[in-house]
Amino acid sequence: EAILEFLRDWKSDPRNDGNSPNYEQIAIGIGKYRSDVRNRILSMEKRKLVKINEHGKIVLIGGRYVLPE
């Protein structure tokens, strides 16, 4: 799935410090509409591929944060 790949790449980029992109950034990154991205992410959350935390950030299931050097 393009969204998962985008999220992995985004979160692994040291410039983003492990933070989540917003729906607009994902939409631009994969060439889709923001509403489509939101709906797909909500569907992915139901399938337990991602989690939306209490701050509204997208968390990759099984992902881990590595402190920058």
N, C-alpha and C. Protein backbone atom coordinates (compact mmCIF):
# COMPACT_ATOMS: atom_id res chain seq x y z
N GLU A 1 0.84 -1.18 0.00
CA GLU A 1 0.00 0.00 0.00
C GLU A 1 0.89 1.25 0.00
N ALA A 2 0.56 2.17 -0.86
CA ALA A 2 1.35 3.39 -1.04
C ALA A 2 1.41 4.23 0.24
N ILE A 3 0.32 4.25 0.99
CA ILE A 3 0.29 5.05 2.21
C ILE A 3 1.27 4.50 3.24
N LEU A 4 1.29 3.19 3.43
CA LEU A 4 2.22 2.59 4.39
C LEU A 4 3.66 2.87 4.00
N GLU A 5 3.96 2.73 2.72
CA GLU A 5 5.31 3.01 2.25
C GLU A 5 5.68 4.47 2.49
N PHE A 6 4.75 5.37 2.20
CA PHE A 6 4.99 6.79 2.43
C PHE A 6 5.24 7.06 3.92
N LEU A 7 4.41 6.48 4.79
CA LEU A 7 4.57 6.67 6.23
C LEU A 7 5.92 6.15 6.71
N ARG A 8 6.31 4.98 6.26
CA ARG A 8 7.61 4.42 6.67
C ARG A 8 8.75 5.33 6.25
N ASP A 9 8.69 5.79 5.00
CA ASP A 9 9.75 6.67 4.50
C ASP A 9 9.77 7.99 5.27
N TRP A 10 8.59 8.55 5.50
CA TRP A 10 8.49 9.84 6.21
C TRP A 10 9.06 9.73 7.62
N LYS A 11 8.61 8.69 8.33
CA LYS A 11 9.03 8.54 9.72
C LYS A 11 10.50 8.17 9.86
N SER A 12 11.07 7.54 8.86
CA SER A 12 12.48 7.17 8.94
C SER A 12 13.41 8.31 8.54
N ASP A 13 12.86 9.35 7.94
CA ASP A 13 13.68 10.50 7.54
C ASP A 13 14.04 11.32 8.78
N PRO A 14 15.32 11.47 9.09
CA PRO A 14 15.74 12.19 10.31
C PRO A 14 15.22 13.63 10.39
N ARG A 15 14.95 14.23 9.24
CA ARG A 15 14.43 15.61 9.25
C ARG A 15 13.05 15.70 9.88
N ASN A 16 12.31 14.59 9.88
CA ASN A 16 10.95 14.59 10.44
C ASN A 16 10.92 14.14 11.89
N ASP A 17 12.06 13.70 12.42
CA ASP A 17 12.19 13.32 13.83
C ASP A 17 11.15 12.30 14.28
N GLY A 18 10.75 11.40 13.38
CA GLY A 18 9.80 10.35 13.73
C GLY A 18 8.36 10.80 13.80
N ASN A 19 8.10 12.08 13.53
CA ASN A 19 6.73 12.60 13.59
C ASN A 19 5.91 12.13 12.41
N SER A 20 4.60 12.25 12.55
CA SER A 20 3.68 11.83 11.50
C SER A 20 3.41 12.97 10.52
N PRO A 21 3.25 12.62 9.26
CA PRO A 21 2.78 13.62 8.30
C PRO A 21 1.28 13.84 8.50
N ASN A 22 0.77 14.94 8.01
CA ASN A 22 -0.69 15.12 8.06
C ASN A 22 -1.29 14.55 6.78
N TYR A 23 -2.61 14.52 6.73
CA TYR A 23 -3.28 13.92 5.57
C TYR A 23 -2.92 14.63 4.28
N GLU A 24 -2.79 15.94 4.33
CA GLU A 24 -2.45 16.73 3.15
C GLU A 24 -1.06 16.35 2.63
N GLN A 25 -0.10 16.21 3.52
CA GLN A 25 1.26 15.83 3.12
C GLN A 25 1.28 14.43 2.49
N ILE A 26 0.51 13.53 3.05
CA ILE A 26 0.43 12.18 2.48
C ILE A 26 -0.21 12.25 1.10
N ALA A 27 -1.31 12.99 0.99
CA ALA A 27 -2.02 13.11 -0.28
C ALA A 27 -1.10 13.64 -1.38
N ILE A 28 -0.35 14.68 -1.07
CA ILE A 28 0.58 15.24 -2.05
C ILE A 28 1.66 14.22 -2.38
N GLY A 29 2.15 13.52 -1.37
CA GLY A 29 3.22 12.55 -1.56
C GLY A 29 2.84 11.36 -2.43
N ILE A 30 1.58 10.96 -2.38
CA ILE A 30 1.18 9.79 -3.17
C ILE A 30 0.24 10.14 -4.33
N GLY A 31 -0.03 11.43 -4.48
CA GLY A 31 -0.86 11.86 -5.62
C GLY A 31 -2.32 11.50 -5.50
N LYS A 32 -2.87 11.59 -4.30
CA LYS A 32 -4.30 11.31 -4.07
C LYS A 32 -4.96 12.51 -3.41
N TYR A 33 -6.27 12.46 -3.31
CA TYR A 33 -7.01 13.50 -2.61
C TYR A 33 -6.91 13.29 -1.10
N ARG A 34 -6.93 14.40 -0.36
CA ARG A 34 -6.84 14.36 1.10
C ARG A 34 -7.94 13.49 1.69
N SER A 35 -9.17 13.63 1.19
CA SER A 35 -10.29 12.85 1.72
C SER A 35 -10.09 11.35 1.48
N ASP A 36 -9.52 10.99 0.33
CA ASP A 36 -9.23 9.58 0.05
C ASP A 36 -8.21 9.04 1.04
N VAL A 37 -7.17 9.85 1.30
CA VAL A 37 -6.13 9.44 2.24
C VAL A 37 -6.72 9.23 3.62
N ARG A 38 -7.54 10.17 4.07
CA ARG A 38 -8.16 10.05 5.40
C ARG A 38 -8.98 8.77 5.49
N ASN A 39 -9.81 8.52 4.48
CA ASN A 39 -10.65 7.32 4.49
C ASN A 39 -9.81 6.04 4.49
N ARG A 40 -8.75 6.03 3.72
CA ARG A 40 -7.87 4.85 3.67
C ARG A 40 -7.17 4.62 5.00
N ILE A 41 -6.74 5.70 5.63
CA ILE A 41 -6.07 5.55 6.92
C ILE A 41 -7.04 5.05 7.98
N LEU A 42 -8.26 5.54 7.97
CA LEU A 42 -9.26 5.03 8.91
C LEU A 42 -9.53 3.55 8.66
N SER A 43 -9.55 3.15 7.41
CA SER A 43 -9.73 1.74 7.07
C SER A 43 -8.52 0.92 7.54
N MET A 44 -7.33 1.48 7.36
CA MET A 44 -6.11 0.80 7.80
C MET A 44 -6.10 0.66 9.32
N GLU A 45 -6.66 1.64 10.02
CA GLU A 45 -6.72 1.55 11.48
C GLU A 45 -7.65 0.41 11.90
N LYS A 46 -8.76 0.25 11.21
CA LYS A 46 -9.68 -0.85 11.52
C LYS A 46 -9.03 -2.21 11.28
N ARG A 47 -8.13 -2.27 10.29
CA ARG A 47 -7.43 -3.51 9.98
C ARG A 47 -6.16 -3.68 10.82
N LYS A 48 -5.93 -2.73 11.74
CA LYS A 48 -4.80 -2.77 12.67
C LYS A 48 -3.44 -2.68 11.96
N LEU A 49 -3.41 -1.92 10.87
CA LEU A 49 -2.14 -1.65 10.18
C LEU A 49 -1.49 -0.40 10.74
N VAL A 50 -2.32 0.52 11.21
CA VAL A 50 -1.85 1.75 11.86
C VAL A 50 -2.76 2.04 13.04
N LYS A 51 -2.32 2.98 13.87
CA LYS A 51 -3.13 3.41 15.01
C LYS A 51 -3.11 4.94 15.01
N ILE A 52 -4.23 5.54 15.34
CA ILE A 52 -4.28 6.99 15.53
C ILE A 52 -4.23 7.20 17.04
N ASN A 53 -3.16 7.86 17.52
CA ASN A 53 -3.03 8.02 18.97
C ASN A 53 -3.90 9.15 19.49
N GLU A 54 -3.83 9.39 20.80
CA GLU A 54 -4.70 10.39 21.45
C GLU A 54 -4.42 11.81 20.98
N HIS A 55 -3.28 12.02 20.31
CA HIS A 55 -2.94 13.34 19.79
C HIS A 55 -3.26 13.47 18.31
N GLY A 56 -3.89 12.44 17.74
CA GLY A 56 -4.24 12.45 16.33
C GLY A 56 -3.10 12.09 15.40
N LYS A 57 -2.01 11.59 15.95
CA LYS A 57 -0.84 11.22 15.15
C LYS A 57 -0.97 9.77 14.69
N ILE A 58 -0.44 9.50 13.51
CA ILE A 58 -0.49 8.15 12.94
C ILE A 58 0.71 7.36 13.46
N VAL A 59 0.42 6.21 14.04
CA VAL A 59 1.46 5.34 14.59
C VAL A 59 1.48 4.06 13.76
N LEU A 60 2.66 3.68 13.31
CA LEU A 60 2.80 2.43 12.58
C LEU A 60 2.81 1.28 13.57
N ILE A 61 1.97 0.30 13.37
CA ILE A 61 1.93 -0.87 14.23
C ILE A 61 3.24 -1.63 14.04
N GLY A 62 3.91 -1.91 15.14
CA GLY A 62 5.19 -2.61 15.08
C GLY A 62 6.36 -1.69 14.80
N GLY A 63 6.06 -0.41 14.60
CA GLY A 63 7.14 0.55 14.36
C GLY A 63 7.81 0.90 15.67
N ARG A 64 9.00 1.44 15.57
CA ARG A 64 9.70 1.85 16.78
C ARG A 64 10.42 3.16 16.50
N TYR A 65 10.58 3.95 17.52
CA TYR A 65 11.27 5.23 17.39
C TYR A 65 12.74 5.03 17.74
N VAL A 66 13.60 5.45 16.86
CA VAL A 66 15.03 5.36 17.08
C VAL A 66 15.53 6.78 17.31
N LEU A 67 16.18 6.99 18.45
CA LEU A 67 16.70 8.33 18.77
C LEU A 67 17.74 8.74 17.74
N PRO A 68 17.66 10.01 17.28
CA PRO A 68 18.69 10.48 16.36
C PRO A 68 20.04 10.56 17.04
N GLU A 69 21.09 10.40 16.27
CA GLU A 69 22.44 10.45 16.84
C GLU A 69 22.91 11.87 16.97
